[in-house]
């Protein structure tokens, strides 16, 4: 998710279409995600979050 490139976002959108998730479920998943303790990777992950929520139409 952190790269948030076009291919990754298409894959994420496909997965989201397979299962209807609530915003609470998505927020729980974001909170539980195992993101490496590397500032650059953490920043990319957090910047991709709104894009993923938009794909989920939440």
PDB file of N, CA and C in Angstrom:
ATOM      1  N   UNK A   1       0.819  -1.187   0.000  1.00  0.00           N
ATOM      2  CA  UNK A   1       0.000   0.000   0.000  1.00  0.00           C
ATOM      3  C   UNK A   1       0.864   1.253   0.000  1.00  0.00           C
ATOM      4  N   UNK A   2       2.022   1.185   0.605  1.00  0.00           N
ATOM      5  CA  UNK A   2       2.836   2.387   0.782  1.00  0.00           C
ATOM      6  C   UNK A   2       3.256   3.021  -0.537  1.00  0.00           C
ATOM      7  N   UNK A   3       3.498   2.203  -1.557  1.00  0.00           N
ATOM      8  CA  UNK A   3       3.930   2.804  -2.821  1.00  0.00           C
ATOM      9  C   UNK A   3       2.815   3.606  -3.468  1.00  0.00           C
ATOM     10  N   UNK A   4       1.596   3.111  -3.327  1.00  0.00           N
ATOM     11  CA  UNK A   4       0.408   3.779  -3.883  1.00  0.00           C
ATOM     12  C   UNK A   4       0.554   4.112  -5.365  1.00  0.00           C
ATOM     13  N   UNK A   5       1.291   3.239  -6.089  1.00  0.00           N
ATOM     14  CA  UNK A   5       1.368   3.464  -7.530  1.00  0.00           C
ATOM     15  C   UNK A   5       0.083   2.940  -8.177  1.00  0.00           C
ATOM     16  N   UNK A   6      -0.086   3.214  -9.431  1.00  0.00           N
ATOM     17  CA  UNK A   6      -1.338   2.896 -10.125  1.00  0.00           C
ATOM     18  C   UNK A   6      -1.677   1.405 -10.060  1.00  0.00           C
ATOM     19  N   UNK A   7      -0.689   0.535 -10.277  1.00  0.00           N
ATOM     20  CA  UNK A   7      -0.941  -0.912 -10.231  1.00  0.00           C
ATOM     21  C   UNK A   7      -1.381  -1.349  -8.841  1.00  0.00           C
ATOM     22  N   UNK A   8      -0.702  -0.837  -7.824  1.00  0.00           N
ATOM     23  CA  UNK A   8      -1.059  -1.202  -6.454  1.00  0.00           C
ATOM     24  C   UNK A   8      -2.462  -0.732  -6.114  1.00  0.00           C
ATOM     25  N   UNK A   9      -2.803   0.482  -6.508  1.00  0.00           N
ATOM     26  CA  UNK A   9      -4.125   1.011  -6.219  1.00  0.00           C
ATOM     27  C   UNK A   9      -5.209   0.215  -6.941  1.00  0.00           C
ATOM     28  N   UNK A  10      -4.932  -0.245  -8.142  1.00  0.00           N
ATOM     29  CA  UNK A  10      -5.890  -1.099  -8.859  1.00  0.00           C
ATOM     30  C   UNK A  10      -6.085  -2.417  -8.119  1.00  0.00           C
ATOM     31  N   UNK A  11      -4.989  -2.984  -7.620  1.00  0.00           N
ATOM     32  CA  UNK A  11      -5.081  -4.232  -6.856  1.00  0.00           C
ATOM     33  C   UNK A  11      -5.874  -4.021  -5.565  1.00  0.00           C
ATOM     34  N   UNK A  12      -5.609  -2.923  -4.889  1.00  0.00           N
ATOM     35  CA  UNK A  12      -6.332  -2.613  -3.659  1.00  0.00           C
ATOM     36  C   UNK A  12      -7.821  -2.431  -3.946  1.00  0.00           C
ATOM     37  N   UNK A  13      -8.122  -1.729  -5.029  1.00  0.00           N
ATOM     38  CA  UNK A  13      -9.526  -1.522  -5.388  1.00  0.00           C
ATOM     39  C   UNK A  13     -10.211  -2.859  -5.671  1.00  0.00           C
ATOM     40  N   UNK A  14      -9.539  -3.747  -6.382  1.00  0.00           N
ATOM     41  CA  UNK A  14     -10.100  -5.073  -6.655  1.00  0.00           C
ATOM     42  C   UNK A  14     -10.399  -5.808  -5.345  1.00  0.00           C
ATOM     43  N   UNK A  15      -9.455  -5.791  -4.419  1.00  0.00           N
ATOM     44  CA  UNK A  15      -9.657  -6.466  -3.144  1.00  0.00           C
ATOM     45  C   UNK A  15     -10.809  -5.855  -2.354  1.00  0.00           C
ATOM     46  N   UNK A  16     -10.907  -4.541  -2.387  1.00  0.00           N
ATOM     47  CA  UNK A  16     -11.988  -3.873  -1.668  1.00  0.00           C
ATOM     48  C   UNK A  16     -13.349  -4.207  -2.264  1.00  0.00           C
ATOM     49  N   UNK A  17     -13.399  -4.457  -3.554  1.00  0.00           N
ATOM     50  CA  UNK A  17     -14.660  -4.811  -4.207  1.00  0.00           C
ATOM     51  C   UNK A  17     -15.107  -6.228  -3.847  1.00  0.00           C
ATOM     52  N   UNK A  18     -14.185  -7.051  -3.361  1.00  0.00           N
ATOM     53  CA  UNK A  18     -14.515  -8.425  -3.012  1.00  0.00           C
ATOM     54  C   UNK A  18     -15.207  -8.526  -1.660  1.00  0.00           C
ATOM     55  N   UNK A  19     -15.017  -7.522  -0.817  1.00  0.00           N
ATOM     56  CA  UNK A  19     -15.581  -7.563   0.525  1.00  0.00           C
ATOM     57  C   UNK A  19     -15.952  -6.146   0.944  1.00  0.00           C
ATOM     58  N   UNK A  20     -17.162  -5.974   1.392  1.00  0.00           N
ATOM     59  CA  UNK A  20     -17.643  -4.664   1.801  1.00  0.00           C
ATOM     60  C   UNK A  20     -17.168  -4.386   3.230  1.00  0.00           C
ATOM     61  N   UNK A  21     -16.268  -3.440   3.387  1.00  0.00           N
ATOM     62  CA  UNK A  21     -15.716  -3.103   4.692  1.00  0.00           C
ATOM     63  C   UNK A  21     -16.261  -1.767   5.167  1.00  0.00           C
ATOM     64  N   UNK A  22     -16.430  -1.652   6.466  1.00  0.00           N
ATOM     65  CA  UNK A  22     -16.855  -0.384   7.036  1.00  0.00           C
ATOM     66  C   UNK A  22     -15.626   0.491   7.284  1.00  0.00           C
ATOM     67  N   UNK A  23     -15.874   1.757   7.530  1.00  0.00           N
ATOM     68  CA  UNK A  23     -14.774   2.658   7.844  1.00  0.00           C
ATOM     69  C   UNK A  23     -14.062   2.198   9.124  1.00  0.00           C
ATOM     70  N   UNK A  24     -14.832   1.741  10.106  1.00  0.00           N
ATOM     71  CA  UNK A  24     -14.225   1.248  11.350  1.00  0.00           C
ATOM     72  C   UNK A  24     -13.311   0.053  11.081  1.00  0.00           C
ATOM     73  N   UNK A  25     -13.737  -0.847  10.214  1.00  0.00           N
ATOM     74  CA  UNK A  25     -12.896  -2.000   9.879  1.00  0.00           C
ATOM     75  C   UNK A  25     -11.613  -1.545   9.177  1.00  0.00           C
ATOM     76  N   UNK A  26     -11.754  -0.574   8.290  1.00  0.00           N
ATOM     77  CA  UNK A  26     -10.572  -0.057   7.588  1.00  0.00           C
ATOM     78  C   UNK A  26      -9.620   0.624   8.578  1.00  0.00           C
ATOM     79  N   UNK A  27     -10.168   1.427   9.485  1.00  0.00           N
ATOM     80  CA  UNK A  27      -9.333   2.121  10.474  1.00  0.00           C
ATOM     81  C   UNK A  27      -8.627   1.117  11.379  1.00  0.00           C
ATOM     82  N   UNK A  28      -9.318   0.053  11.750  1.00  0.00           N
ATOM     83  CA  UNK A  28      -8.690  -0.995  12.559  1.00  0.00           C
ATOM     84  C   UNK A  28      -7.554  -1.646  11.792  1.00  0.00           C
ATOM     85  N   UNK A  29      -7.780  -1.912  10.520  1.00  0.00           N
ATOM     86  CA  UNK A  29      -6.730  -2.514   9.690  1.00  0.00           C
ATOM     87  C   UNK A  29      -5.524  -1.587   9.575  1.00  0.00           C
ATOM     88  N   UNK A  30      -5.762  -0.292   9.396  1.00  0.00           N
ATOM     89  CA  UNK A  30      -4.643   0.657   9.324  1.00  0.00           C
ATOM     90  C   UNK A  30      -3.864   0.666  10.639  1.00  0.00           C
ATOM     91  N   UNK A  31      -4.579   0.641  11.748  1.00  0.00           N
ATOM     92  CA  UNK A  31      -3.927   0.679  13.061  1.00  0.00           C
ATOM     93  C   UNK A  31      -3.129  -0.591  13.337  1.00  0.00           C
ATOM     94  N   UNK A  32      -3.578  -1.716  12.796  1.00  0.00           N
ATOM     95  CA  UNK A  32      -2.908  -2.990  13.038  1.00  0.00           C
ATOM     96  C   UNK A  32      -1.811  -3.300  12.026  1.00  0.00           C
ATOM     97  N   UNK A  33      -1.758  -2.545  10.961  1.00  0.00           N
ATOM     98  CA  UNK A  33      -0.777  -2.814   9.899  1.00  0.00           C
ATOM     99  C   UNK A  33       0.641  -2.789  10.470  1.00  0.00           C
ATOM    100  N   UNK A  34       1.424  -3.725  10.012  1.00  0.00           N
ATOM    101  CA  UNK A  34       2.822  -3.801  10.445  1.00  0.00           C
ATOM    102  C   UNK A  34       3.670  -3.037   9.445  1.00  0.00           C
ATOM    103  N   UNK A  35       3.922  -1.798   9.784  1.00  0.00           N
ATOM    104  CA  UNK A  35       4.703  -0.919   8.923  1.00  0.00           C
ATOM    105  C   UNK A  35       6.112  -0.845   9.497  1.00  0.00           C
ATOM    106  N   UNK A  36       7.130  -1.090   8.670  1.00  0.00           N
ATOM    107  CA  UNK A  36       8.498  -1.036   9.189  1.00  0.00           C
ATOM    108  C   UNK A  36       8.792   0.301   9.878  1.00  0.00           C
ATOM    109  N   UNK A  37       9.636   0.237  10.867  1.00  0.00           N
ATOM    110  CA  UNK A  37      10.001   1.420  11.638  1.00  0.00           C
ATOM    111  C   UNK A  37      11.049   2.249  10.893  1.00  0.00           C
ATOM    112  N   UNK A  38      10.670   2.630   9.684  1.00  0.00           N
ATOM    113  CA  UNK A  38      11.521   3.461   8.825  1.00  0.00           C
ATOM    114  C   UNK A  38      10.690   4.695   8.486  1.00  0.00           C
ATOM    115  N   UNK A  39      11.156   5.871   8.894  1.00  0.00           N
ATOM    116  CA  UNK A  39      10.331   7.072   8.714  1.00  0.00           C
ATOM    117  C   UNK A  39       9.788   7.264   7.303  1.00  0.00           C
ATOM    118  N   UNK A  40      10.595   7.002   6.289  1.00  0.00           N
ATOM    119  CA  UNK A  40      10.143   7.199   4.916  1.00  0.00           C
ATOM    120  C   UNK A  40       9.003   6.253   4.559  1.00  0.00           C
ATOM    121  N   UNK A  41       9.100   5.013   5.008  1.00  0.00           N
ATOM    122  CA  UNK A  41       8.059   4.033   4.712  1.00  0.00           C
ATOM    123  C   UNK A  41       6.787   4.371   5.489  1.00  0.00           C
ATOM    124  N   UNK A  42       6.943   4.774   6.738  1.00  0.00           N
ATOM    125  CA  UNK A  42       5.775   5.166   7.529  1.00  0.00           C
ATOM    126  C   UNK A  42       5.064   6.359   6.901  1.00  0.00           C
ATOM    127  N   UNK A  43       5.825   7.311   6.411  1.00  0.00           N
ATOM    128  CA  UNK A  43       5.227   8.485   5.767  1.00  0.00           C
ATOM    129  C   UNK A  43       4.466   8.089   4.502  1.00  0.00           C
ATOM    130  N   UNK A  44       5.054   7.220   3.687  1.00  0.00           N
ATOM    131  CA  UNK A  44       4.376   6.751   2.478  1.00  0.00           C
ATOM    132  C   UNK A  44       3.080   6.020   2.821  1.00  0.00           C
ATOM    133  N   UNK A  45       3.124   5.189   3.862  1.00  0.00           N
ATOM    134  CA  UNK A  45       1.935   4.459   4.285  1.00  0.00           C
ATOM    135  C   UNK A  45       0.833   5.428   4.689  1.00  0.00           C
ATOM    136  N   UNK A  46       1.182   6.420   5.478  1.00  0.00           N
ATOM    137  CA  UNK A  46       0.178   7.381   5.949  1.00  0.00           C
ATOM    138  C   UNK A  46      -0.358   8.265   4.814  1.00  0.00           C
ATOM    139  N   UNK A  47       0.489   8.568   3.846  1.00  0.00           N
ATOM    140  CA  UNK A  47       0.009   9.364   2.703  1.00  0.00           C
ATOM    141  C   UNK A  47      -0.903   8.551   1.795  1.00  0.00           C
ATOM    142  N   UNK A  48      -0.724   7.237   1.760  1.00  0.00           N
ATOM    143  CA  UNK A  48      -1.556   6.375   0.912  1.00  0.00           C
ATOM    144  C   UNK A  48      -2.925   6.117   1.554  1.00  0.00           C
ATOM    145  N   UNK A  49      -3.030   6.272   2.855  1.00  0.00           N
ATOM    146  CA  UNK A  49      -4.270   5.971   3.573  1.00  0.00           C
ATOM    147  C   UNK A  49      -5.492   6.669   2.978  1.00  0.00           C
ATOM    148  N   UNK A  50      -5.472   7.985   2.750  1.00  0.00           N
ATOM    149  CA  UNK A  50      -6.662   8.628   2.170  1.00  0.00           C
ATOM    150  C   UNK A  50      -7.014   8.104   0.778  1.00  0.00           C
ATOM    151  N   UNK A  51      -6.009   7.720   0.013  1.00  0.00           N
ATOM    152  CA  UNK A  51      -6.273   7.171  -1.323  1.00  0.00           C
ATOM    153  C   UNK A  51      -7.020   5.846  -1.213  1.00  0.00           C
ATOM    154  N   UNK A  52      -6.616   5.019  -0.255  1.00  0.00           N
ATOM    155  CA  UNK A  52      -7.267   3.723  -0.072  1.00  0.00           C
ATOM    156  C   UNK A  52      -8.686   3.928   0.442  1.00  0.00           C
ATOM    157  N   UNK A  53      -8.877   4.845   1.370  1.00  0.00           N
ATOM    158  CA  UNK A  53     -10.231   5.129   1.854  1.00  0.00           C
ATOM    159  C   UNK A  53     -11.116   5.641   0.718  1.00  0.00           C
ATOM    160  N   UNK A  54     -10.561   6.435  -0.157  1.00  0.00           N
ATOM    161  CA  UNK A  54     -11.341   6.937  -1.302  1.00  0.00           C
ATOM    162  C   UNK A  54     -11.737   5.783  -2.231  1.00  0.00           C
ATOM    163  N   UNK A  55     -10.839   4.845  -2.421  1.00  0.00           N
ATOM    164  CA  UNK A  55     -11.157   3.678  -3.252  1.00  0.00           C
ATOM    165  C   UNK A  55     -12.300   2.876  -2.642  1.00  0.00           C
ATOM    166  N   UNK A  56     -12.343   2.850  -1.329  1.00  0.00           N
ATOM    167  CA  UNK A  56     -13.392   2.115  -0.626  1.00  0.00           C
ATOM    168  C   UNK A  56     -14.673   2.935  -0.536  1.00  0.00           C
ATOM    169  N   UNK A  57     -14.616   4.159  -1.033  1.00  0.00           N
ATOM    170  CA  UNK A  57     -15.761   5.091  -0.994  1.00  0.00           C
ATOM    171  C   UNK A  57     -16.226   5.329   0.438  1.00  0.00           C
ATOM    172  N   UNK A  58     -15.240   5.524   1.321  1.00  0.00           N
ATOM    173  CA  UNK A  58     -15.560   5.782   2.729  1.00  0.00           C
ATOM    174  C   UNK A  58     -15.160   7.183   3.119  1.00  0.00           C
TER     175      UNK A  58
END
